[in-house]
Amino acid sequence: MRTGVLALYCVYVLVMALNGTTEAYVHSSSSATQLQAQNKWLLLFSAVNLLGGVVFQSRLGALGIVLANCTTMSLRIAYSCHLIRAEFR
C-alpha cells in the first residue's frame, strides 16, 4: 500500500507543478476584478478538497488524501486552462 501512495504522490508533484504554472500565468494576466472572481472559485475548490479528503480518506486511507489533492489540483488546472483559452479567443 505504501508504494501505491508514493507512486500517486509522484503524480501529484507533477500535477502541482502544472497547476503552479497555469495559475501563475492566469494571476499575472488578470485584472483585479477577475482575480476577485477567481478567488471565489478557489474557495469552492478548497471546499471540494476538504470534502474529498474526508470521503476518500475514510475509504482509501492515505491514498485517499493524495487522490483528493490530485482531484482538486486537476480541477484548478482545468479552470486555469479555461481562463487562458478565453483570453486568447
N, C-alpha and C. Protein backbone atom coordinates (compact mmCIF):
# COMPACT_ATOMS: atom_id res chain seq x y z
N MET A 1 0.82 -1.20 0.00
CA MET A 1 0.00 0.00 0.00
C MET A 1 0.86 1.26 0.00
N ARG A 2 1.98 1.23 0.70
CA ARG A 2 2.84 2.40 0.77
C ARG A 2 3.41 2.75 -0.59
N THR A 3 3.74 1.74 -1.40
CA THR A 3 4.27 2.04 -2.73
C THR A 3 3.21 2.70 -3.60
N GLY A 4 1.96 2.33 -3.39
CA GLY A 4 0.87 2.97 -4.14
C GLY A 4 0.73 4.43 -3.77
N VAL A 5 0.87 4.74 -2.50
CA VAL A 5 0.80 6.14 -2.05
C VAL A 5 1.97 6.93 -2.61
N LEU A 6 3.15 6.35 -2.57
CA LEU A 6 4.33 7.05 -3.08
C LEU A 6 4.23 7.26 -4.59
N ALA A 7 3.74 6.27 -5.31
CA ALA A 7 3.58 6.40 -6.76
C ALA A 7 2.58 7.50 -7.09
N LEU A 8 1.46 7.53 -6.39
CA LEU A 8 0.47 8.56 -6.63
C LEU A 8 1.00 9.93 -6.22
N TYR A 9 1.80 9.98 -5.17
CA TYR A 9 2.38 11.24 -4.76
C TYR A 9 3.32 11.80 -5.83
N CYS A 10 4.03 10.92 -6.51
CA CYS A 10 4.89 11.37 -7.62
C CYS A 10 4.06 12.02 -8.72
N VAL A 11 2.90 11.45 -9.00
CA VAL A 11 1.99 12.05 -9.97
C VAL A 11 1.50 13.40 -9.44
N TYR A 12 1.19 13.44 -8.16
CA TYR A 12 0.70 14.67 -7.53
C TYR A 12 1.72 15.80 -7.65
N VAL A 13 3.00 15.51 -7.51
CA VAL A 13 4.04 16.53 -7.64
C VAL A 13 4.01 17.12 -9.06
N LEU A 14 3.83 16.27 -10.06
CA LEU A 14 3.73 16.74 -11.44
C LEU A 14 2.48 17.62 -11.62
N VAL A 15 1.38 17.18 -11.05
CA VAL A 15 0.12 17.94 -11.15
C VAL A 15 0.27 19.29 -10.46
N MET A 16 0.95 19.33 -9.31
CA MET A 16 1.17 20.60 -8.61
C MET A 16 2.01 21.55 -9.46
N ALA A 17 3.01 21.01 -10.15
CA ALA A 17 3.86 21.86 -10.99
C ALA A 17 3.06 22.46 -12.14
N LEU A 18 2.22 21.65 -12.75
CA LEU A 18 1.38 22.14 -13.84
C LEU A 18 0.39 23.18 -13.32
N ASN A 19 -0.19 22.93 -12.15
CA ASN A 19 -1.12 23.88 -11.55
C ASN A 19 -0.41 25.21 -11.25
N GLY A 20 0.77 25.14 -10.70
CA GLY A 20 1.51 26.36 -10.39
C GLY A 20 1.80 27.18 -11.63
N THR A 21 2.15 26.53 -12.71
CA THR A 21 2.45 27.23 -13.96
C THR A 21 1.20 27.89 -14.53
N THR A 22 0.10 27.15 -14.59
CA THR A 22 -1.12 27.72 -15.17
C THR A 22 -1.69 28.83 -14.29
N GLU A 23 -1.70 28.64 -12.99
CA GLU A 23 -2.24 29.68 -12.11
C GLU A 23 -1.35 30.92 -12.09
N ALA A 24 -0.06 30.74 -12.18
CA ALA A 24 0.84 31.90 -12.21
C ALA A 24 0.55 32.75 -13.44
N TYR A 25 0.35 32.10 -14.58
CA TYR A 25 0.04 32.85 -15.79
C TYR A 25 -1.30 33.57 -15.64
N VAL A 26 -2.31 32.85 -15.17
CA VAL A 26 -3.64 33.44 -15.03
C VAL A 26 -3.60 34.63 -14.08
N HIS A 27 -2.94 34.49 -12.95
CA HIS A 27 -2.90 35.57 -11.97
C HIS A 27 -2.10 36.77 -12.48
N SER A 28 -1.10 36.52 -13.28
CA SER A 28 -0.30 37.64 -13.78
C SER A 28 -0.99 38.38 -14.91
N SER A 29 -1.96 37.75 -15.56
CA SER A 29 -2.60 38.40 -16.70
C SER A 29 -4.04 38.82 -16.41
N SER A 30 -4.47 38.74 -15.16
CA SER A 30 -5.85 39.07 -14.79
C SER A 30 -5.93 40.44 -14.14
N SER A 31 -7.09 41.06 -14.31
CA SER A 31 -7.34 42.33 -13.64
C SER A 31 -7.76 42.07 -12.19
N ALA A 32 -7.87 43.12 -11.43
CA ALA A 32 -8.27 42.97 -10.01
C ALA A 32 -9.67 42.38 -9.90
N THR A 33 -10.57 42.78 -10.78
CA THR A 33 -11.93 42.24 -10.76
C THR A 33 -11.93 40.75 -11.10
N GLN A 34 -11.14 40.37 -12.09
CA GLN A 34 -11.04 38.96 -12.45
C GLN A 34 -10.44 38.13 -11.32
N LEU A 35 -9.46 38.69 -10.63
CA LEU A 35 -8.84 37.98 -9.51
C LEU A 35 -9.84 37.74 -8.39
N GLN A 36 -10.73 38.70 -8.15
CA GLN A 36 -11.74 38.51 -7.11
C GLN A 36 -12.68 37.36 -7.48
N ALA A 37 -13.07 37.29 -8.74
CA ALA A 37 -13.93 36.19 -9.20
C ALA A 37 -13.20 34.85 -9.10
N GLN A 38 -11.92 34.85 -9.44
CA GLN A 38 -11.13 33.62 -9.36
C GLN A 38 -10.99 33.15 -7.92
N ASN A 39 -10.87 34.07 -7.00
CA ASN A 39 -10.74 33.70 -5.59
C ASN A 39 -11.99 32.99 -5.07
N LYS A 40 -13.15 33.35 -5.60
CA LYS A 40 -14.38 32.65 -5.22
C LYS A 40 -14.34 31.21 -5.69
N TRP A 41 -13.83 31.01 -6.90
CA TRP A 41 -13.70 29.64 -7.41
C TRP A 41 -12.69 28.85 -6.58
N LEU A 42 -11.59 29.50 -6.21
CA LEU A 42 -10.57 28.81 -5.40
C LEU A 42 -11.13 28.41 -4.04
N LEU A 43 -12.02 29.23 -3.50
CA LEU A 43 -12.68 28.88 -2.24
C LEU A 43 -13.56 27.63 -2.43
N LEU A 44 -14.26 27.57 -3.54
CA LEU A 44 -15.07 26.39 -3.86
C LEU A 44 -14.18 25.15 -4.00
N PHE A 45 -13.06 25.30 -4.69
CA PHE A 45 -12.14 24.17 -4.85
C PHE A 45 -11.59 23.71 -3.51
N SER A 46 -11.39 24.63 -2.58
CA SER A 46 -10.93 24.26 -1.24
C SER A 46 -11.98 23.43 -0.51
N ALA A 47 -13.24 23.81 -0.68
CA ALA A 47 -14.32 23.03 -0.07
C ALA A 47 -14.41 21.63 -0.68
N VAL A 48 -14.21 21.54 -1.99
CA VAL A 48 -14.20 20.24 -2.67
C VAL A 48 -13.05 19.40 -2.14
N ASN A 49 -11.89 20.03 -1.93
CA ASN A 49 -10.74 19.30 -1.42
C ASN A 49 -11.01 18.77 0.00
N LEU A 50 -11.61 19.59 0.83
CA LEU A 50 -11.93 19.16 2.19
C LEU A 50 -12.90 17.99 2.17
N LEU A 51 -13.96 18.12 1.41
CA LEU A 51 -14.95 17.05 1.31
C LEU A 51 -14.33 15.79 0.72
N GLY A 52 -13.58 15.95 -0.36
CA GLY A 52 -12.93 14.80 -0.99
C GLY A 52 -11.93 14.13 -0.06
N GLY A 53 -11.19 14.94 0.70
CA GLY A 53 -10.23 14.37 1.64
C GLY A 53 -10.91 13.52 2.70
N VAL A 54 -12.02 14.00 3.22
CA VAL A 54 -12.74 13.24 4.25
C VAL A 54 -13.30 11.94 3.67
N VAL A 55 -13.96 12.06 2.51
CA VAL A 55 -14.59 10.88 1.90
C VAL A 55 -13.54 9.87 1.45
N PHE A 56 -12.54 10.33 0.70
CA PHE A 56 -11.53 9.41 0.17
C PHE A 56 -10.67 8.81 1.27
N GLN A 57 -10.35 9.61 2.29
CA GLN A 57 -9.51 9.09 3.37
C GLN A 57 -10.24 8.01 4.15
N SER A 58 -11.52 8.18 4.35
CA SER A 58 -12.26 7.17 5.11
C SER A 58 -12.34 5.85 4.36
N ARG A 59 -12.25 5.90 3.03
CA ARG A 59 -12.34 4.67 2.23
C ARG A 59 -10.99 4.12 1.80
N LEU A 60 -10.02 5.03 1.57
CA LEU A 60 -8.74 4.59 0.99
C LEU A 60 -7.53 4.90 1.87
N GLY A 61 -7.75 5.53 3.01
CA GLY A 61 -6.63 5.86 3.88
C GLY A 61 -5.76 6.96 3.30
N ALA A 62 -4.46 6.83 3.45
CA ALA A 62 -3.52 7.85 2.98
C ALA A 62 -3.61 8.04 1.47
N LEU A 63 -3.85 6.98 0.75
CA LEU A 63 -4.01 7.07 -0.69
C LEU A 63 -5.16 8.01 -1.04
N GLY A 64 -6.22 7.99 -0.25
CA GLY A 64 -7.36 8.84 -0.48
C GLY A 64 -7.06 10.32 -0.33
N ILE A 65 -6.20 10.66 0.61
CA ILE A 65 -5.83 12.06 0.80
C ILE A 65 -5.07 12.58 -0.41
N VAL A 66 -4.12 11.78 -0.88
CA VAL A 66 -3.35 12.19 -2.06
C VAL A 66 -4.27 12.25 -3.29
N LEU A 67 -5.18 11.31 -3.40
CA LEU A 67 -6.13 11.30 -4.52
C LEU A 67 -7.03 12.53 -4.48
N ALA A 68 -7.49 12.92 -3.31
CA ALA A 68 -8.32 14.12 -3.18
C ALA A 68 -7.54 15.36 -3.61
N ASN A 69 -6.28 15.44 -3.22
CA ASN A 69 -5.45 16.57 -3.62
C ASN A 69 -5.23 16.59 -5.13
N CYS A 70 -4.98 15.42 -5.72
CA CYS A 70 -4.82 15.34 -7.19
C CYS A 70 -6.09 15.79 -7.90
N THR A 71 -7.23 15.38 -7.37
CA THR A 71 -8.51 15.75 -7.97
C THR A 71 -8.71 17.25 -7.92
N THR A 72 -8.46 17.84 -6.78
CA THR A 72 -8.64 19.29 -6.63
C THR A 72 -7.67 20.05 -7.52
N MET A 73 -6.42 19.64 -7.56
CA MET A 73 -5.45 20.32 -8.43
C MET A 73 -5.86 20.20 -9.89
N SER A 74 -6.39 19.06 -10.27
CA SER A 74 -6.84 18.87 -11.65
C SER A 74 -8.00 19.82 -11.98
N LEU A 75 -8.89 20.01 -11.03
CA LEU A 75 -9.99 20.97 -11.24
C LEU A 75 -9.44 22.39 -11.39
N ARG A 76 -8.46 22.72 -10.58
CA ARG A 76 -7.87 24.06 -10.66
C ARG A 76 -7.14 24.25 -11.99
N ILE A 77 -6.47 23.21 -12.47
CA ILE A 77 -5.79 23.28 -13.77
C ILE A 77 -6.82 23.48 -14.88
N ALA A 78 -7.90 22.72 -14.82
CA ALA A 78 -8.95 22.85 -15.84
C ALA A 78 -9.53 24.27 -15.84
N TYR A 79 -9.75 24.82 -14.65
CA TYR A 79 -10.28 26.19 -14.55
C TYR A 79 -9.28 27.20 -15.12
N SER A 80 -8.02 27.05 -14.79
CA SER A 80 -7.00 27.96 -15.31
C SER A 80 -6.90 27.85 -16.83
N CYS A 81 -6.96 26.63 -17.35
CA CYS A 81 -6.90 26.44 -18.81
C CYS A 81 -8.11 27.07 -19.49
N HIS A 82 -9.26 26.99 -18.84
CA HIS A 82 -10.46 27.65 -19.37
C HIS A 82 -10.23 29.16 -19.46
N LEU A 83 -9.67 29.75 -18.42
CA LEU A 83 -9.41 31.19 -18.44
C LEU A 83 -8.34 31.56 -19.47
N ILE A 84 -7.34 30.73 -19.60
CA ILE A 84 -6.28 31.00 -20.59
C ILE A 84 -6.85 30.93 -22.00
N ARG A 85 -7.66 29.91 -22.25
CA ARG A 85 -8.28 29.77 -23.57
C ARG A 85 -9.18 30.96 -23.87
N ALA A 86 -9.93 31.43 -22.87
CA ALA A 86 -10.82 32.58 -23.07
C ALA A 86 -10.03 33.84 -23.38
N GLU A 87 -8.85 33.95 -22.81
CA GLU A 87 -8.02 35.13 -23.05
C GLU A 87 -7.54 35.20 -24.50
N PHE A 88 -7.32 34.07 -25.12
CA PHE A 88 -6.79 34.03 -26.48
C PHE A 88 -7.86 33.91 -27.55
N ARG A 89 -9.11 33.96 -27.16
CA ARG A 89 -10.20 33.92 -28.17
C ARG A 89 -10.53 35.29 -28.64
